[in-house]
Amino acid sequence: EEEEGKGGSGKVVAAVIIDCEVRAHDPDEDSTAFTALVTRNGITADFSLRTKGGELTLEGVTTYSCEADACALTPEAKFKRGQRYAGPAMTELEGTDLLPSILEFLDEHGVTPALGEYVHKQVQVAEQREYMGLLKDLKAMAA
């Protein structure tokens, strides 16, 4: 998608990654956390988001000058990502124009509350499938 007149130009590339290993669906909160990676003007931002009750909230953000550093699935890359500055607490941005601007930017590029709800439902389906598989395996072991 080409951007014009929105405070910058260049291609915008967005991807959504569900980090089930760390932030899977939380039944106590009935919310799901996920990550959206957006690349624009040579900068890739890793947005940590949570969907709850139809609302999308930003929990954190990390930026990378190299898209591969944000996307690589190797243990080394994952370790390097864990060492990066994870951005300020989002509460520090409340009352500024930056937080609403980020959420508006994400919304304009398809990272919407509707997407968050879709991710939430898909995580629930996946968890149910895993649960049923576990029960089937335990039944087979006990037989």
N, C-alpha and C. Protein backbone atom coordinates (compact mmCIF):
# COMPACT_ATOMS: atom_id res chain seq x y z
N GLU A 1 0.86 -1.17 0.00
CA GLU A 1 0.00 0.00 0.00
C GLU A 1 0.90 1.23 0.00
N GLU A 2 0.70 2.11 -0.95
CA GLU A 2 1.49 3.32 -1.02
C GLU A 2 0.85 4.40 -0.15
N GLU A 3 1.67 5.09 0.57
CA GLU A 3 1.23 6.16 1.46
C GLU A 3 1.53 7.50 0.82
N GLU A 4 0.57 8.40 0.84
CA GLU A 4 0.83 9.76 0.39
C GLU A 4 0.07 10.72 1.29
N GLY A 5 0.72 11.80 1.65
CA GLY A 5 0.07 12.84 2.42
C GLY A 5 -0.27 12.45 3.85
N LYS A 6 0.39 11.45 4.39
CA LYS A 6 0.09 11.01 5.76
C LYS A 6 1.33 11.16 6.63
N GLY A 7 2.10 12.19 6.41
CA GLY A 7 3.28 12.39 7.25
C GLY A 7 4.45 11.52 6.85
N GLY A 8 4.44 11.00 5.66
CA GLY A 8 5.54 10.17 5.21
C GLY A 8 5.13 9.46 3.95
N SER A 9 6.10 8.95 3.26
CA SER A 9 5.78 8.20 2.06
C SER A 9 6.51 6.89 2.10
N GLY A 10 6.10 6.00 1.26
CA GLY A 10 6.73 4.70 1.20
C GLY A 10 5.72 3.61 1.38
N LYS A 11 6.21 2.40 1.25
CA LYS A 11 5.34 1.24 1.40
C LYS A 11 5.08 0.93 2.85
N VAL A 12 3.89 0.47 3.13
CA VAL A 12 3.53 0.01 4.45
C VAL A 12 3.29 -1.48 4.34
N VAL A 13 4.00 -2.24 5.15
CA VAL A 13 3.83 -3.69 5.18
C VAL A 13 3.39 -4.05 6.59
N ALA A 14 2.29 -4.76 6.71
CA ALA A 14 1.79 -5.13 8.03
C ALA A 14 1.62 -6.64 8.11
N ALA A 15 1.93 -7.18 9.27
CA ALA A 15 1.73 -8.60 9.53
C ALA A 15 1.27 -8.74 10.97
N VAL A 16 0.46 -9.75 11.22
CA VAL A 16 0.00 -10.00 12.58
C VAL A 16 0.55 -11.35 13.01
N ILE A 17 1.15 -11.36 14.17
CA ILE A 17 1.71 -12.59 14.72
C ILE A 17 1.07 -12.83 16.07
N ILE A 18 0.55 -14.03 16.27
CA ILE A 18 0.00 -14.38 17.57
C ILE A 18 1.12 -15.04 18.35
N ASP A 19 1.48 -14.44 19.44
CA ASP A 19 2.56 -14.98 20.27
C ASP A 19 1.94 -15.85 21.35
N CYS A 20 1.49 -17.04 20.96
CA CYS A 20 0.82 -17.93 21.90
C CYS A 20 1.75 -18.43 22.98
N GLU A 21 3.02 -18.42 22.72
CA GLU A 21 4.00 -18.91 23.68
C GLU A 21 4.06 -18.02 24.92
N VAL A 22 3.91 -16.73 24.71
CA VAL A 22 4.07 -15.79 25.83
C VAL A 22 2.75 -15.17 26.24
N ARG A 23 1.94 -14.79 25.27
CA ARG A 23 0.75 -14.02 25.58
C ARG A 23 -0.49 -14.64 24.98
N ALA A 24 -0.74 -15.87 25.27
CA ALA A 24 -1.92 -16.52 24.72
C ALA A 24 -3.18 -16.03 25.42
N HIS A 25 -4.29 -16.47 24.95
CA HIS A 25 -5.59 -16.12 25.52
C HIS A 25 -5.58 -16.33 27.03
N ASP A 26 -6.06 -15.37 27.76
CA ASP A 26 -6.09 -15.43 29.23
C ASP A 26 -7.54 -15.57 29.67
N PRO A 27 -7.97 -16.77 30.11
CA PRO A 27 -9.38 -16.97 30.45
C PRO A 27 -9.85 -16.11 31.62
N ASP A 28 -8.93 -15.68 32.49
CA ASP A 28 -9.32 -14.85 33.61
C ASP A 28 -9.71 -13.44 33.16
N GLU A 29 -9.10 -12.98 32.11
CA GLU A 29 -9.38 -11.63 31.63
C GLU A 29 -10.23 -11.63 30.36
N ASP A 30 -10.43 -12.79 29.74
CA ASP A 30 -11.13 -12.90 28.48
C ASP A 30 -10.58 -11.89 27.48
N SER A 31 -9.27 -11.90 27.34
CA SER A 31 -8.60 -11.03 26.39
C SER A 31 -7.49 -11.81 25.71
N THR A 32 -7.02 -11.28 24.62
CA THR A 32 -5.94 -11.91 23.88
C THR A 32 -4.92 -10.84 23.51
N ALA A 33 -3.67 -11.16 23.75
CA ALA A 33 -2.58 -10.28 23.34
C ALA A 33 -1.99 -10.82 22.05
N PHE A 34 -1.59 -9.90 21.19
CA PHE A 34 -0.95 -10.29 19.94
C PHE A 34 -0.01 -9.18 19.50
N THR A 35 0.79 -9.49 18.53
CA THR A 35 1.77 -8.55 18.01
C THR A 35 1.46 -8.21 16.57
N ALA A 36 1.54 -6.95 16.23
CA ALA A 36 1.42 -6.51 14.84
C ALA A 36 2.74 -5.88 14.45
N LEU A 37 3.31 -6.36 13.37
CA LEU A 37 4.55 -5.79 12.84
C LEU A 37 4.19 -4.91 11.66
N VAL A 38 4.64 -3.67 11.69
CA VAL A 38 4.36 -2.74 10.59
C VAL A 38 5.69 -2.14 10.16
N THR A 39 5.94 -2.18 8.85
CA THR A 39 7.16 -1.59 8.30
C THR A 39 6.77 -0.41 7.43
N ARG A 40 7.42 0.71 7.69
CA ARG A 40 7.18 1.92 6.91
C ARG A 40 8.44 2.78 6.94
N ASN A 41 8.80 3.32 5.81
CA ASN A 41 9.97 4.19 5.69
C ASN A 41 11.23 3.55 6.27
N GLY A 42 11.38 2.24 6.07
CA GLY A 42 12.59 1.55 6.51
C GLY A 42 12.63 1.22 8.00
N ILE A 43 11.56 1.50 8.72
CA ILE A 43 11.50 1.21 10.15
C ILE A 43 10.40 0.18 10.36
N THR A 44 10.72 -0.87 11.11
CA THR A 44 9.72 -1.87 11.48
C THR A 44 9.39 -1.69 12.94
N ALA A 45 8.12 -1.56 13.23
CA ALA A 45 7.66 -1.43 14.62
C ALA A 45 6.90 -2.69 15.01
N ASP A 46 7.21 -3.17 16.18
CA ASP A 46 6.58 -4.36 16.76
C ASP A 46 5.62 -3.83 17.83
N PHE A 47 4.33 -3.81 17.50
CA PHE A 47 3.31 -3.28 18.40
C PHE A 47 2.71 -4.43 19.21
N SER A 48 2.84 -4.37 20.52
CA SER A 48 2.20 -5.35 21.41
C SER A 48 0.82 -4.81 21.74
N LEU A 49 -0.19 -5.57 21.35
CA LEU A 49 -1.58 -5.14 21.48
C LEU A 49 -2.38 -6.14 22.28
N ARG A 50 -3.48 -5.69 22.84
CA ARG A 50 -4.41 -6.57 23.54
C ARG A 50 -5.82 -6.19 23.12
N THR A 51 -6.61 -7.23 22.85
CA THR A 51 -8.02 -7.01 22.54
C THR A 51 -8.85 -7.54 23.70
N LYS A 52 -9.77 -6.72 24.13
CA LYS A 52 -10.65 -7.09 25.24
C LYS A 52 -11.95 -6.33 25.09
N GLY A 53 -13.05 -7.07 25.07
CA GLY A 53 -14.36 -6.43 24.99
C GLY A 53 -14.54 -5.55 23.77
N GLY A 54 -13.94 -5.95 22.65
CA GLY A 54 -14.09 -5.17 21.42
C GLY A 54 -13.18 -3.96 21.33
N GLU A 55 -12.32 -3.77 22.32
CA GLU A 55 -11.39 -2.64 22.29
C GLU A 55 -9.98 -3.15 22.07
N LEU A 56 -9.19 -2.35 21.38
CA LEU A 56 -7.80 -2.66 21.12
C LEU A 56 -6.95 -1.68 21.91
N THR A 57 -6.04 -2.21 22.72
CA THR A 57 -5.16 -1.33 23.49
C THR A 57 -3.70 -1.64 23.14
N LEU A 58 -2.90 -0.61 23.15
CA LEU A 58 -1.47 -0.74 22.89
C LEU A 58 -0.76 -0.94 24.22
N GLU A 59 -0.01 -2.04 24.33
CA GLU A 59 0.70 -2.34 25.57
C GLU A 59 2.18 -2.03 25.49
N GLY A 60 2.72 -1.96 24.28
CA GLY A 60 4.14 -1.67 24.12
C GLY A 60 4.52 -1.61 22.67
N VAL A 61 5.70 -1.08 22.40
CA VAL A 61 6.20 -0.99 21.04
C VAL A 61 7.72 -1.01 21.05
N THR A 62 8.27 -1.72 20.08
CA THR A 62 9.72 -1.77 19.88
C THR A 62 9.97 -1.51 18.41
N THR A 63 11.00 -0.76 18.09
CA THR A 63 11.31 -0.48 16.68
C THR A 63 12.62 -1.14 16.28
N TYR A 64 12.72 -1.43 14.98
CA TYR A 64 13.89 -2.07 14.39
C TYR A 64 14.23 -1.34 13.10
N SER A 65 15.50 -1.17 12.84
CA SER A 65 15.92 -0.56 11.57
C SER A 65 16.02 -1.60 10.47
N CYS A 66 15.94 -2.86 10.84
CA CYS A 66 16.02 -3.95 9.87
C CYS A 66 14.81 -4.87 10.08
N GLU A 67 13.98 -5.01 9.05
CA GLU A 67 12.77 -5.82 9.15
C GLU A 67 13.09 -7.26 9.55
N ALA A 68 14.20 -7.78 9.05
CA ALA A 68 14.57 -9.17 9.36
C ALA A 68 14.79 -9.36 10.86
N ASP A 69 15.33 -8.34 11.54
CA ASP A 69 15.54 -8.46 12.99
C ASP A 69 14.22 -8.62 13.73
N ALA A 70 13.16 -8.03 13.22
CA ALA A 70 11.85 -8.11 13.86
C ALA A 70 11.12 -9.40 13.52
N CYS A 71 11.47 -10.01 12.39
CA CYS A 71 10.69 -11.13 11.88
C CYS A 71 11.36 -12.50 11.97
N ALA A 72 12.68 -12.54 12.07
CA ALA A 72 13.38 -13.82 12.04
C ALA A 72 12.92 -14.71 13.20
N LEU A 73 12.81 -16.00 12.93
CA LEU A 73 12.28 -16.94 13.91
C LEU A 73 13.37 -17.79 14.57
N THR A 74 14.61 -17.42 14.39
CA THR A 74 15.70 -18.20 14.98
C THR A 74 15.81 -17.90 16.48
N PRO A 75 16.37 -18.83 17.26
CA PRO A 75 16.58 -18.56 18.69
C PRO A 75 17.45 -17.32 18.92
N GLU A 76 18.45 -17.12 18.07
CA GLU A 76 19.33 -15.96 18.21
C GLU A 76 18.55 -14.65 18.01
N ALA A 77 17.69 -14.63 16.98
CA ALA A 77 16.90 -13.43 16.71
C ALA A 77 15.93 -13.16 17.85
N LYS A 78 15.33 -14.22 18.37
CA LYS A 78 14.39 -14.06 19.48
C LYS A 78 15.12 -13.50 20.71
N PHE A 79 16.33 -13.99 20.96
CA PHE A 79 17.13 -13.48 22.07
C PHE A 79 17.45 -12.01 21.87
N LYS A 80 17.87 -11.63 20.65
CA LYS A 80 18.20 -10.23 20.36
C LYS A 80 16.98 -9.34 20.55
N ARG A 81 15.81 -9.82 20.14
CA ARG A 81 14.59 -9.02 20.32
C ARG A 81 14.31 -8.80 21.81
N GLY A 82 14.58 -9.82 22.61
CA GLY A 82 14.36 -9.70 24.05
C GLY A 82 15.30 -8.70 24.72
N GLN A 83 16.40 -8.39 24.07
CA GLN A 83 17.36 -7.44 24.62
C GLN A 83 17.09 -6.00 24.21
N ARG A 84 16.17 -5.79 23.29
CA ARG A 84 15.89 -4.44 22.79
C ARG A 84 15.06 -3.64 23.78
N TYR A 85 15.18 -2.34 23.68
CA TYR A 85 14.36 -1.43 24.48
C TYR A 85 12.91 -1.62 24.08
N ALA A 86 12.06 -1.89 25.05
CA ALA A 86 10.66 -2.21 24.78
C ALA A 86 9.76 -0.98 24.78
N GLY A 87 10.31 0.18 24.73
CA GLY A 87 9.51 1.39 24.70
C GLY A 87 9.03 1.79 26.08
N PRO A 88 8.46 2.96 26.18
CA PRO A 88 7.98 3.45 27.47
C PRO A 88 6.70 2.72 27.89
N ALA A 89 6.38 2.85 29.15
CA ALA A 89 5.07 2.36 29.61
C ALA A 89 4.02 3.20 28.88
N MET A 90 3.01 2.55 28.37
CA MET A 90 2.01 3.28 27.59
C MET A 90 1.29 4.32 28.43
N THR A 91 1.25 4.14 29.74
CA THR A 91 0.64 5.14 30.61
C THR A 91 1.41 6.45 30.55
N GLU A 92 2.70 6.39 30.22
CA GLU A 92 3.50 7.62 30.08
C GLU A 92 3.08 8.43 28.87
N LEU A 93 2.44 7.77 27.90
CA LEU A 93 2.01 8.47 26.69
C LEU A 93 0.59 8.99 26.77
N GLU A 94 -0.14 8.60 27.83
CA GLU A 94 -1.50 9.09 27.99
C GLU A 94 -1.47 10.61 28.15
N GLY A 95 -2.42 11.25 27.54
CA GLY A 95 -2.47 12.71 27.60
C GLY A 95 -1.63 13.38 26.52
N THR A 96 -0.94 12.57 25.71
CA THR A 96 -0.19 13.13 24.58
C THR A 96 -0.94 12.80 23.30
N ASP A 97 -0.53 13.41 22.22
CA ASP A 97 -1.14 13.11 20.92
C ASP A 97 -0.57 11.83 20.32
N LEU A 98 0.54 11.33 20.85
CA LEU A 98 1.21 10.20 20.24
C LEU A 98 0.40 8.91 20.31
N LEU A 99 -0.15 8.58 21.46
CA LEU A 99 -0.89 7.33 21.61
C LEU A 99 -2.10 7.25 20.67
N PRO A 100 -2.96 8.25 20.64
CA PRO A 100 -4.08 8.21 19.68
C PRO A 100 -3.59 8.17 18.23
N SER A 101 -2.48 8.84 17.94
CA SER A 101 -1.94 8.84 16.58
C SER A 101 -1.48 7.45 16.18
N ILE A 102 -0.84 6.74 17.10
CA ILE A 102 -0.38 5.38 16.81
C ILE A 102 -1.58 4.47 16.56
N LEU A 103 -2.58 4.55 17.41
CA LEU A 103 -3.77 3.71 17.24
C LEU A 103 -4.50 4.03 15.94
N GLU A 104 -4.54 5.31 15.58
CA GLU A 104 -5.16 5.71 14.31
C GLU A 104 -4.35 5.16 13.13
N PHE A 105 -3.02 5.25 13.21
CA PHE A 105 -2.15 4.71 12.17
C PHE A 105 -2.39 3.21 12.00
N LEU A 106 -2.44 2.49 13.11
CA LEU A 106 -2.69 1.05 13.04
C LEU A 106 -4.05 0.76 12.42
N ASP A 107 -5.06 1.50 12.83
CA ASP A 107 -6.41 1.32 12.31
C ASP A 107 -6.44 1.54 10.80
N GLU A 108 -5.76 2.58 10.34
CA GLU A 108 -5.73 2.89 8.91
C GLU A 108 -5.06 1.78 8.11
N HIS A 109 -4.24 0.98 8.76
CA HIS A 109 -3.51 -0.08 8.06
C HIS A 109 -4.01 -1.47 8.43
N GLY A 110 -5.26 -1.53 8.87
CA GLY A 110 -5.92 -2.82 9.05
C GLY A 110 -5.77 -3.48 10.41
N VAL A 111 -5.05 -2.85 11.30
CA VAL A 111 -4.92 -3.39 12.66
C VAL A 111 -6.00 -2.70 13.49
N THR A 112 -7.19 -3.31 13.46
CA THR A 112 -8.40 -2.71 14.00
C THR A 112 -8.95 -3.54 15.16
N PRO A 113 -9.91 -2.99 15.89
CA PRO A 113 -10.57 -3.80 16.92
C PRO A 113 -11.21 -5.06 16.33
N ALA A 114 -11.74 -4.97 15.10
CA ALA A 114 -12.32 -6.15 14.46
C ALA A 114 -11.26 -7.22 14.24
N LEU A 115 -10.07 -6.82 13.84
CA LEU A 115 -8.97 -7.78 13.69
C LEU A 115 -8.63 -8.39 15.04
N GLY A 116 -8.59 -7.57 16.07
CA GLY A 116 -8.31 -8.06 17.42
C GLY A 116 -9.32 -9.10 17.86
N GLU A 117 -10.60 -8.86 17.58
CA GLU A 117 -11.64 -9.83 17.94
C GLU A 117 -11.50 -11.12 17.13
N TYR A 118 -11.11 -10.98 15.87
CA TYR A 118 -10.88 -12.16 15.04
C TYR A 118 -9.73 -13.00 15.63
N VAL A 119 -8.64 -12.35 15.98
CA VAL A 119 -7.50 -13.04 16.58
C VAL A 119 -7.96 -13.72 17.88
N HIS A 120 -8.72 -13.01 18.69
CA HIS A 120 -9.22 -13.55 19.96
C HIS A 120 -10.02 -14.83 19.73
N LYS A 121 -10.92 -14.79 18.77
CA LYS A 121 -11.76 -15.97 18.48
C LYS A 121 -10.92 -17.12 17.94
N GLN A 122 -9.95 -16.82 17.10
CA GLN A 122 -9.10 -17.88 16.55
C GLN A 122 -8.24 -18.53 17.64
N VAL A 123 -7.77 -17.74 18.59
CA VAL A 123 -7.00 -18.30 19.70
C VAL A 123 -7.89 -19.21 20.54
N GLN A 124 -9.13 -18.80 20.76
CA GLN A 124 -10.06 -19.65 21.52
C GLN A 124 -10.30 -20.98 20.80
N VAL A 125 -10.49 -20.94 19.49
CA VAL A 125 -10.70 -22.15 18.70
C VAL A 125 -9.47 -23.06 18.78
N ALA A 126 -8.30 -22.47 18.64
CA ALA A 126 -7.05 -23.25 18.71
C ALA A 126 -6.88 -23.88 20.09
N GLU A 127 -7.18 -23.13 21.14
CA GLU A 127 -7.06 -23.68 22.50
C GLU A 127 -8.04 -24.83 22.71
N GLN A 128 -9.25 -24.69 22.21
CA GLN A 128 -10.25 -25.75 22.34
C GLN A 128 -9.79 -27.00 21.60
N ARG A 129 -9.23 -26.81 20.41
CA ARG A 129 -8.72 -27.94 19.62
C ARG A 129 -7.59 -28.65 20.39
N GLU A 130 -6.69 -27.88 20.96
CA GLU A 130 -5.58 -28.45 21.74
C GLU A 130 -6.11 -29.20 22.96
N TYR A 131 -7.08 -28.62 23.63
CA TYR A 131 -7.68 -29.24 24.81
C TYR A 131 -8.32 -30.58 24.46
N MET A 132 -9.09 -30.60 23.38
CA MET A 132 -9.75 -31.83 22.96
C MET A 132 -8.71 -32.89 22.57
N GLY A 133 -7.64 -32.46 21.93
CA GLY A 133 -6.57 -33.39 21.57
C GLY A 133 -5.90 -33.97 22.80
N LEU A 134 -5.69 -33.13 23.81
CA LEU A 134 -5.09 -33.59 25.07
C LEU A 134 -5.99 -34.63 25.74
N LEU A 135 -7.28 -34.35 25.80
CA LEU A 135 -8.21 -35.31 26.41
C LEU A 135 -8.22 -36.63 25.65
N LYS A 136 -8.20 -36.55 24.33
CA LYS A 136 -8.17 -37.77 23.51
C LYS A 136 -6.90 -38.58 23.80
N ASP A 137 -5.76 -37.89 23.88
CA ASP A 137 -4.50 -38.58 24.16
C ASP A 137 -4.50 -39.22 25.55
N LEU A 138 -5.02 -38.51 26.54
CA LEU A 138 -5.07 -39.07 27.89
C LEU A 138 -6.00 -40.27 27.96
N LYS A 139 -7.12 -40.19 27.24
CA LYS A 139 -8.05 -41.32 27.20
C LYS A 139 -7.37 -42.53 26.57
N ALA A 140 -6.63 -42.32 25.50
CA ALA A 140 -5.93 -43.40 24.82
C ALA A 140 -4.85 -44.00 25.73
N MET A 141 -4.18 -43.16 26.49
CA MET A 141 -3.15 -43.67 27.42
C MET A 141 -3.77 -44.51 28.54
N ALA A 142 -4.92 -44.08 29.01
CA ALA A 142 -5.55 -44.76 30.16
C ALA A 142 -6.29 -46.03 29.74
N ALA A 143 -6.53 -46.19 28.45
CA ALA A 143 -7.29 -47.36 27.96
C ALA A 143 -6.48 -48.65 28.06
